[in-house]
């Protein structure tokens, strides 16, 4: 791009009311001109209902960052995509066998890569989740 050339920017974000922007393009001078100030979200205010921050509360401490929490998190994702647990937002149960299989495969890879380095309890939890998830996956494949 030569100095003085203009480029067009299309804003596809939604406004605060959830409405799509008008899609109008604006013509901005090249990078040598003064930049616009970035939009900074005030994190002290609620985000309006659908953001990740809505799921965290200051008065509830997060679970520990340990191996068991990682396994439970991945297993929960697999159960969710097998339709075994309700959607966290109260929608219809999800059924995405591709994502479920990928998550089960990730748990199996994690077991293989950590073999010999886990406590007996950690290995047992991982093996039990893998067994249960595989049984449920096969059952779901046979009877979607």
C-alpha atoms as a PDB file:
ATOM      1  CA  UNK A   1       0.000   0.000   0.000  1.00  0.00           C
ATOM      2  CA  UNK A   2       1.392   3.388  -0.912  1.00  0.00           C
ATOM      3  CA  UNK A   3       1.468   6.320   1.470  1.00  0.00           C
ATOM      4  CA  UNK A   4      -1.772   8.235   1.253  1.00  0.00           C
ATOM      5  CA  UNK A   5      -3.809   5.207   0.067  1.00  0.00           C
ATOM      6  CA  UNK A   6      -6.987   4.547   2.014  1.00  0.00           C
ATOM      7  CA  UNK A   7      -8.416   1.229   3.131  1.00  0.00           C
ATOM      8  CA  UNK A   8     -11.928   0.310   4.173  1.00  0.00           C
ATOM      9  CA  UNK A   9     -12.957  -1.180   7.496  1.00  0.00           C
ATOM     10  CA  UNK A  10     -16.231  -3.067   7.939  1.00  0.00           C
ATOM     11  CA  UNK A  11     -17.461  -3.348  11.520  1.00  0.00           C
ATOM     12  CA  UNK A  12     -19.375  -6.604  11.963  1.00  0.00           C
ATOM     13  CA  UNK A  13     -19.618  -6.390  15.742  1.00  0.00           C
ATOM     14  CA  UNK A  14     -22.927  -6.064  17.562  1.00  0.00           C
ATOM     15  CA  UNK A  15     -23.784  -2.992  19.547  1.00  0.00           C
ATOM     16  CA  UNK A  16     -24.648  -3.108  23.267  1.00  0.00           C
ATOM     17  CA  UNK A  17     -28.295  -3.861  22.513  1.00  0.00           C
ATOM     18  CA  UNK A  18     -27.287  -6.926  20.481  1.00  0.00           C
ATOM     19  CA  UNK A  19     -28.199  -5.349  17.163  1.00  0.00           C
ATOM     20  CA  UNK A  20     -25.894  -5.897  14.228  1.00  0.00           C
ATOM     21  CA  UNK A  21     -24.019  -2.806  13.183  1.00  0.00           C
ATOM     22  CA  UNK A  22     -25.200  -1.105  10.038  1.00  0.00           C
ATOM     23  CA  UNK A  23     -22.275  -2.574   8.103  1.00  0.00           C
ATOM     24  CA  UNK A  24     -21.307   0.841   6.805  1.00  0.00           C
ATOM     25  CA  UNK A  25     -17.694   1.049   5.881  1.00  0.00           C
ATOM     26  CA  UNK A  26     -15.488   3.801   7.067  1.00  0.00           C
ATOM     27  CA  UNK A  27     -12.509   5.039   5.241  1.00  0.00           C
ATOM     28  CA  UNK A  28      -9.429   5.239   7.408  1.00  0.00           C
ATOM     29  CA  UNK A  29      -6.115   6.775   6.476  1.00  0.00           C
ATOM     30  CA  UNK A  30      -3.103   4.511   6.480  1.00  0.00           C
ATOM     31  CA  UNK A  31      -1.169   3.542   9.626  1.00  0.00           C
ATOM     32  CA  UNK A  32       0.848   6.755   9.676  1.00  0.00           C
ATOM     33  CA  UNK A  33      -2.157   8.725  10.916  1.00  0.00           C
ATOM     34  CA  UNK A  34      -3.410   8.926  14.461  1.00  0.00           C
ATOM     35  CA  UNK A  35      -4.976   5.680  15.730  1.00  0.00           C
ATOM     36  CA  UNK A  36      -8.430   5.528  17.277  1.00  0.00           C
ATOM     37  CA  UNK A  37      -8.681   4.770  20.963  1.00  0.00           C
ATOM     38  CA  UNK A  38      -9.580   1.124  21.641  1.00  0.00           C
ATOM     39  CA  UNK A  39     -12.902   0.271  23.227  1.00  0.00           C
ATOM     40  CA  UNK A  40     -12.300  -0.924  26.781  1.00  0.00           C
ATOM     41  CA  UNK A  41     -14.959  -2.982  28.507  1.00  0.00           C
ATOM     42  CA  UNK A  42     -15.627  -2.084  32.125  1.00  0.00           C
ATOM     43  CA  UNK A  43     -15.160  -5.431  33.875  1.00  0.00           C
ATOM     44  CA  UNK A  44     -16.906  -4.238  37.021  1.00  0.00           C
ATOM     45  CA  UNK A  45     -20.231  -4.118  35.176  1.00  0.00           C
ATOM     46  CA  UNK A  46     -22.170  -7.250  34.230  1.00  0.00           C
ATOM     47  CA  UNK A  47     -21.608  -8.235  30.631  1.00  0.00           C
ATOM     48  CA  UNK A  48     -25.241  -8.662  29.751  1.00  0.00           C
ATOM     49  CA  UNK A  49     -25.828 -12.378  29.836  1.00  0.00           C
ATOM     50  CA  UNK A  50     -23.780 -14.441  27.434  1.00  0.00           C
ATOM     51  CA  UNK A  51     -20.105 -13.802  28.128  1.00  0.00           C
ATOM     52  CA  UNK A  52     -17.664 -16.096  29.836  1.00  0.00           C
ATOM     53  CA  UNK A  53     -17.387 -13.698  32.773  1.00  0.00           C
ATOM     54  CA  UNK A  54     -21.023 -14.404  33.652  1.00  0.00           C
ATOM     55  CA  UNK A  55     -20.073 -17.901  34.780  1.00  0.00           C
ATOM     56  CA  UNK A  56     -17.548 -16.763  37.382  1.00  0.00           C
ATOM     57  CA  UNK A  57     -18.378 -15.181  40.674  1.00  0.00           C
ATOM     58  CA  UNK A  58     -16.013 -13.455  43.051  1.00  0.00           C
ATOM     59  CA  UNK A  59     -17.460 -15.179  46.109  1.00  0.00           C
ATOM     60  CA  UNK A  60     -16.881 -18.726  44.776  1.00  0.00           C
ATOM     61  CA  UNK A  61     -13.248 -19.781  44.453  1.00  0.00           C
ATOM     62  CA  UNK A  62     -12.275 -21.604  41.258  1.00  0.00           C
ATOM     63  CA  UNK A  63     -11.484 -25.319  41.486  1.00  0.00           C
ATOM     64  CA  UNK A  64      -7.838 -26.233  42.024  1.00  0.00           C
ATOM     65  CA  UNK A  65      -5.647 -26.317  38.932  1.00  0.00           C
ATOM     66  CA  UNK A  66      -4.618 -29.944  39.189  1.00  0.00           C
ATOM     67  CA  UNK A  67      -4.637 -33.047  37.006  1.00  0.00           C
ATOM     68  CA  UNK A  68      -7.982 -34.303  38.305  1.00  0.00           C
ATOM     69  CA  UNK A  69      -9.660 -30.973  37.533  1.00  0.00           C
ATOM     70  CA  UNK A  70      -8.298 -31.149  33.968  1.00  0.00           C
ATOM     71  CA  UNK A  71      -9.639 -34.677  33.512  1.00  0.00           C
ATOM     72  CA  UNK A  72     -13.040 -33.744  34.959  1.00  0.00           C
ATOM     73  CA  UNK A  73     -13.207 -30.694  32.684  1.00  0.00           C
ATOM     74  CA  UNK A  74     -12.439 -32.706  29.545  1.00  0.00           C
ATOM     75  CA  UNK A  75     -14.806 -35.500  30.578  1.00  0.00           C
ATOM     76  CA  UNK A  76     -17.572 -32.955  31.226  1.00  0.00           C
ATOM     77  CA  UNK A  77     -17.081 -31.599  27.718  1.00  0.00           C
ATOM     78  CA  UNK A  78     -17.392 -35.100  26.283  1.00  0.00           C
ATOM     79  CA  UNK A  79     -20.526 -35.837  28.348  1.00  0.00           C
ATOM     80  CA  UNK A  80     -22.022 -32.536  27.207  1.00  0.00           C
ATOM     81  CA  UNK A  81     -21.465 -33.354  23.526  1.00  0.00           C
ATOM     82  CA  UNK A  82     -22.829 -36.860  24.015  1.00  0.00           C
ATOM     83  CA  UNK A  83     -26.032 -35.280  25.313  1.00  0.00           C
ATOM     84  CA  UNK A  84     -25.523 -36.906  28.721  1.00  0.00           C
ATOM     85  CA  UNK A  85     -25.595 -33.715  30.768  1.00  0.00           C
ATOM     86  CA  UNK A  86     -27.790 -30.645  30.261  1.00  0.00           C
ATOM     87  CA  UNK A  87     -26.539 -27.595  28.450  1.00  0.00           C
ATOM     88  CA  UNK A  88     -25.230 -25.062  30.994  1.00  0.00           C
ATOM     89  CA  UNK A  89     -27.388 -22.326  29.466  1.00  0.00           C
ATOM     90  CA  UNK A  90     -30.556 -24.417  29.733  1.00  0.00           C
ATOM     91  CA  UNK A  91     -30.869 -25.122  26.018  1.00  0.00           C
ATOM     92  CA  UNK A  92     -31.628 -28.497  24.488  1.00  0.00           C
ATOM     93  CA  UNK A  93     -28.939 -31.130  25.163  1.00  0.00           C
ATOM     94  CA  UNK A  94     -26.061 -30.986  22.706  1.00  0.00           C
ATOM     95  CA  UNK A  95     -25.248 -33.903  20.466  1.00  0.00           C
ATOM     96  CA  UNK A  96     -21.989 -33.554  18.573  1.00  0.00           C
ATOM     97  CA  UNK A  97     -20.365 -36.957  18.255  1.00  0.00           C
ATOM     98  CA  UNK A  98     -17.333 -35.565  16.430  1.00  0.00           C
ATOM     99  CA  UNK A  99     -16.448 -33.240  19.305  1.00  0.00           C
ATOM    100  CA  UNK A 100     -17.229 -35.987  21.834  1.00  0.00           C
ATOM    101  CA  UNK A 101     -14.919 -38.436  20.049  1.00  0.00           C
ATOM    102  CA  UNK A 102     -12.157 -35.827  19.794  1.00  0.00           C
ATOM    103  CA  UNK A 103     -12.394 -35.103  23.521  1.00  0.00           C
ATOM    104  CA  UNK A 104     -12.351 -38.814  24.380  1.00  0.00           C
ATOM    105  CA  UNK A 105      -9.285 -39.217  22.145  1.00  0.00           C
ATOM    106  CA  UNK A 106      -7.623 -36.318  23.975  1.00  0.00           C
ATOM    107  CA  UNK A 107      -8.243 -38.030  27.316  1.00  0.00           C
ATOM    108  CA  UNK A 108      -6.745 -41.258  25.919  1.00  0.00           C
ATOM    109  CA  UNK A 109      -3.703 -39.357  24.664  1.00  0.00           C
ATOM    110  CA  UNK A 110      -3.345 -37.704  28.056  1.00  0.00           C
ATOM    111  CA  UNK A 111      -3.420 -41.120  29.713  1.00  0.00           C
ATOM    112  CA  UNK A 112      -0.751 -42.451  27.338  1.00  0.00           C
ATOM    113  CA  UNK A 113       1.521 -39.430  27.748  1.00  0.00           C
ATOM    114  CA  UNK A 114       1.282 -39.421  31.554  1.00  0.00           C
ATOM    115  CA  UNK A 115       1.559 -43.192  32.087  1.00  0.00           C
ATOM    116  CA  UNK A 116       3.855 -43.871  35.040  1.00  0.00           C
ATOM    117  CA  UNK A 117       3.659 -40.284  36.288  1.00  0.00           C
ATOM    118  CA  UNK A 118       0.189 -40.332  37.850  1.00  0.00           C
ATOM    119  CA  UNK A 119      -0.862 -41.265  41.350  1.00  0.00           C
ATOM    120  CA  UNK A 120      -2.975 -44.386  41.616  1.00  0.00           C
ATOM    121  CA  UNK A 121      -6.048 -42.219  42.253  1.00  0.00           C
ATOM    122  CA  UNK A 122      -5.396 -39.992  39.203  1.00  0.00           C
ATOM    123  CA  UNK A 123      -4.872 -42.994  36.926  1.00  0.00           C
ATOM    124  CA  UNK A 124      -8.019 -44.645  38.293  1.00  0.00           C
ATOM    125  CA  UNK A 125     -10.175 -41.538  37.715  1.00  0.00           C
ATOM    126  CA  UNK A 126      -8.866 -41.153  34.175  1.00  0.00           C
ATOM    127  CA  UNK A 127      -9.421 -44.838  33.352  1.00  0.00           C
ATOM    128  CA  UNK A 128     -12.960 -44.827  34.778  1.00  0.00           C
ATOM    129  CA  UNK A 129     -13.922 -41.730  32.779  1.00  0.00           C
ATOM    130  CA  UNK A 130     -12.441 -43.191  29.598  1.00  0.00           C
ATOM    131  CA  UNK A 131     -14.289 -46.488  30.053  1.00  0.00           C
ATOM    132  CA  UNK A 132     -17.630 -44.800  30.772  1.00  0.00           C
ATOM    133  CA  UNK A 133     -17.285 -42.260  27.958  1.00  0.00           C
ATOM    134  CA  UNK A 134     -16.356 -44.943  25.418  1.00  0.00           C
ATOM    135  CA  UNK A 135     -19.358 -47.077  26.403  1.00  0.00           C
ATOM    136  CA  UNK A 136     -21.692 -44.085  26.103  1.00  0.00           C
ATOM    137  CA  UNK A 137     -20.129 -43.068  22.779  1.00  0.00           C
ATOM    138  CA  UNK A 138     -20.647 -46.533  21.269  1.00  0.00           C
ATOM    139  CA  UNK A 139     -24.206 -46.639  22.574  1.00  0.00           C
ATOM    140  CA  UNK A 140     -24.898 -43.200  21.072  1.00  0.00           C
ATOM    141  CA  UNK A 141     -23.425 -44.301  17.729  1.00  0.00           C
ATOM    142  CA  UNK A 142     -25.762 -47.293  17.651  1.00  0.00           C
ATOM    143  CA  UNK A 143     -28.840 -45.336  18.806  1.00  0.00           C
ATOM    144  CA  UNK A 144     -28.520 -41.620  18.106  1.00  0.00           C
END
